[in-house]
C-alpha atoms as a PDB file:
ATOM      1  CA  MET A   1       0.042   0.065  -0.080  1.00  0.00           C
ATOM      2  CA  THR A   2       0.969   3.339  -0.855  1.00  0.00           C
ATOM      3  CA  SER A   3       2.411   6.175   1.805  1.00  0.00           C
ATOM      4  CA  PHE A   4       2.081   9.707   1.565  1.00  0.00           C
ATOM      5  CA  ARG A   5       3.018  12.264   3.610  1.00  0.00           C
ATOM      6  CA  PRO A   6       2.583  16.136   3.017  1.00  0.00           C
ATOM      7  CA  HIS A   7       4.320  18.099   0.166  1.00  0.00           C
ATOM      8  CA  PRO A   8       6.568  19.919   1.516  1.00  0.00           C
ATOM      9  CA  SER A   9       4.962  23.388   0.404  1.00  0.00           C
ATOM     10  CA  VAL A  10       1.615  22.645   2.310  1.00  0.00           C
ATOM     11  CA  VAL A  11       2.191  24.019   5.774  1.00  0.00           C
ATOM     12  CA  SER A  12      -1.285  23.484   8.017  1.00  0.00           C
ATOM     13  CA  THR A  13      -2.855  24.660  11.330  1.00  0.00           C
ATOM     14  CA  ASP A  14      -6.074  23.404  13.551  1.00  0.00           C
ATOM     15  CA  VAL A  15      -9.356  25.672  13.803  1.00  0.00           C
ATOM     16  CA  GLU A  16     -11.139  25.233  16.416  1.00  0.00           C
ATOM     17  CA  ASP A  17     -12.764  21.389  15.449  1.00  0.00           C
ATOM     18  CA  ALA A  18     -10.836  21.856  11.466  1.00  0.00           C
ATOM     19  CA  MET A  19      -8.234  21.627  10.082  1.00  0.00           C
ATOM     20  CA  VAL A  20      -6.532  24.016   7.160  1.00  0.00           C
ATOM     21  CA  LEU A  21      -4.318  23.449   4.453  1.00  0.00           C
ATOM     22  CA  LEU A  22      -2.561  26.486   2.561  1.00  0.00           C
ATOM     23  CA  HIS A  23      -0.424  25.350  -0.543  1.00  0.00           C
ATOM     24  CA  LEU A  24       2.730  28.293  -0.120  1.00  0.00           C
ATOM     25  CA  ASP A  25       3.081  27.380  -4.228  1.00  0.00           C
ATOM     26  CA  THR A  26      -0.661  28.010  -5.547  1.00  0.00           C
ATOM     27  CA  LYS A  27      -1.746  29.484  -3.135  1.00  0.00           C
ATOM     28  CA  ARG A  28      -4.947  27.135  -2.200  1.00  0.00           C
ATOM     29  CA  TYR A  29      -5.712  26.726   1.138  1.00  0.00           C
ATOM     30  CA  PHE A  30      -8.412  24.189   1.899  1.00  0.00           C
ATOM     31  CA  THR A  31     -10.120  23.037   4.502  1.00  0.00           C
ATOM     32  CA  LEU A  32     -10.428  19.418   6.723  1.00  0.00           C
ATOM     33  CA  ASN A  33     -13.339  18.768   9.140  1.00  0.00           C
ATOM     34  CA  SER A  34     -12.125  16.936  12.245  1.00  0.00           C
ATOM     35  CA  THR A  35     -12.041  13.377  10.351  1.00  0.00           C
ATOM     36  CA  GLY A  36      -9.858  14.653   7.403  1.00  0.00           C
ATOM     37  CA  ALA A  37      -7.485  16.583  10.050  1.00  0.00           C
ATOM     38  CA  ALA A  38      -7.054  13.241  12.386  1.00  0.00           C
ATOM     39  CA  ILE A  39      -5.329  11.913   8.771  1.00  0.00           C
ATOM     40  CA  TRP A  40      -3.140  14.448   8.136  1.00  0.00           C
ATOM     41  CA  LYS A  41      -2.123  14.400  11.460  1.00  0.00           C
ATOM     42  CA  ARG A  42      -1.099  11.041  10.834  1.00  0.00           C
ATOM     43  CA  LEU A  43      -0.137  11.535   7.763  1.00  0.00           C
ATOM     44  CA  SER A  44       2.504  14.410   9.174  1.00  0.00           C
ATOM     45  CA  GLN A  45       3.541  11.842  11.625  1.00  0.00           C
ATOM     46  CA  GLY A  46       4.545   9.508   8.451  1.00  0.00           C
ATOM     47  CA  LYS A  47       2.060   6.877   8.576  1.00  0.00           C
ATOM     48  CA  ALA A  48       0.982   4.419   6.337  1.00  0.00           C
ATOM     49  CA  GLU A  49      -2.680   4.728   4.943  1.00  0.00           C
ATOM     50  CA  ASP A  50      -3.357   1.042   6.831  1.00  0.00           C
ATOM     51  CA  GLU A  51      -1.761   1.897   9.959  1.00  0.00           C
ATOM     52  CA  ILE A  52      -3.678   5.329   9.377  1.00  0.00           C
ATOM     53  CA  VAL A  53      -6.747   3.445   8.821  1.00  0.00           C
ATOM     54  CA  SER A  54      -6.455   0.711  12.600  1.00  0.00           C
ATOM     55  CA  ALA A  55      -6.108   3.903  14.319  1.00  0.00           C
ATOM     56  CA  LEU A  56      -9.311   5.556  12.996  1.00  0.00           C
ATOM     57  CA  ALA A  57     -11.524   2.640  13.524  1.00  0.00           C
ATOM     58  CA  GLU A  58     -10.017   1.918  17.057  1.00  0.00           C
ATOM     59  CA  GLU A  59     -10.342   6.181  17.884  1.00  0.00           C
ATOM     60  CA  TYR A  60     -13.722   6.246  15.875  1.00  0.00           C
ATOM     61  CA  ASP A  61     -14.994   2.384  16.771  1.00  0.00           C
ATOM     62  CA  ALA A  62     -16.114   2.141  13.425  1.00  0.00           C
ATOM     63  CA  ASP A  63     -16.313   0.022  10.883  1.00  0.00           C
ATOM     64  CA  PRO A  64     -12.476  -0.558   9.078  1.00  0.00           C
ATOM     65  CA  SER A  65     -13.742  -1.225   5.351  1.00  0.00           C
ATOM     66  CA  ARG A  66     -15.967   1.924   5.287  1.00  0.00           C
ATOM     67  CA  LEU A  67     -13.254   3.955   6.866  1.00  0.00           C
ATOM     68  CA  ALA A  68     -10.255   2.470   4.682  1.00  0.00           C
ATOM     69  CA  ALA A  69     -12.886   3.678   1.750  1.00  0.00           C
ATOM     70  CA  SER A  70     -12.933   6.805   3.010  1.00  0.00           C
ATOM     71  CA  VAL A  71      -9.674   7.175   3.900  1.00  0.00           C
ATOM     72  CA  ARG A  72      -9.203   6.723   0.157  1.00  0.00           C
ATOM     73  CA  ARG A  73     -11.580   8.956  -1.160  1.00  0.00           C
ATOM     74  CA  LEU A  74      -9.752  11.585   0.817  1.00  0.00           C
ATOM     75  CA  LEU A  75      -6.232  10.642  -0.066  1.00  0.00           C
ATOM     76  CA  GLU A  76      -6.794  10.510  -3.788  1.00  0.00           C
ATOM     77  CA  GLN A  77      -8.502  14.310  -3.738  1.00  0.00           C
ATOM     78  CA  LEU A  78      -5.760  15.324  -1.517  1.00  0.00           C
ATOM     79  CA  GLU A  79      -3.485  13.923  -3.935  1.00  0.00           C
ATOM     80  CA  LYS A  80      -4.795  15.725  -6.938  1.00  0.00           C
ATOM     81  CA  ALA A  81      -4.913  18.756  -5.125  1.00  0.00           C
ATOM     82  CA  ALA A  82      -0.966  18.247  -4.666  1.00  0.00           C
ATOM     83  CA  LEU A  83      -1.248  18.608  -1.134  1.00  0.00           C
ATOM     84  CA  ILE A  84       0.506  14.913  -1.143  1.00  0.00           C
ATOM     85  CA  GLU A  85       3.042  12.890  -2.594  1.00  0.00           C
ATOM     86  CA  PRO A  86       3.882   9.383  -2.222  1.00  0.00           C
ATOM     87  CA  ALA A  87       6.119   8.819   0.588  1.00  0.00           C
END
């Protein structure tokens, strides 16, 4: 399974129960909800996709297969927006 990391030109900050990402090269910003922020924080720690799914399944007491699909969707969106890159 592919591992990703935040793009070096992306900075992030917590805002209430969300997270804002700013891509310094494109000057575009993105907002993640609390679950997206939890995924981003784990990406920033160097966690692989399967490790993120396992941690979230435990933290949120959620179905791992549904979580895996949601994590995959978000990673695809983040990669398409050049916010993450393969590690």
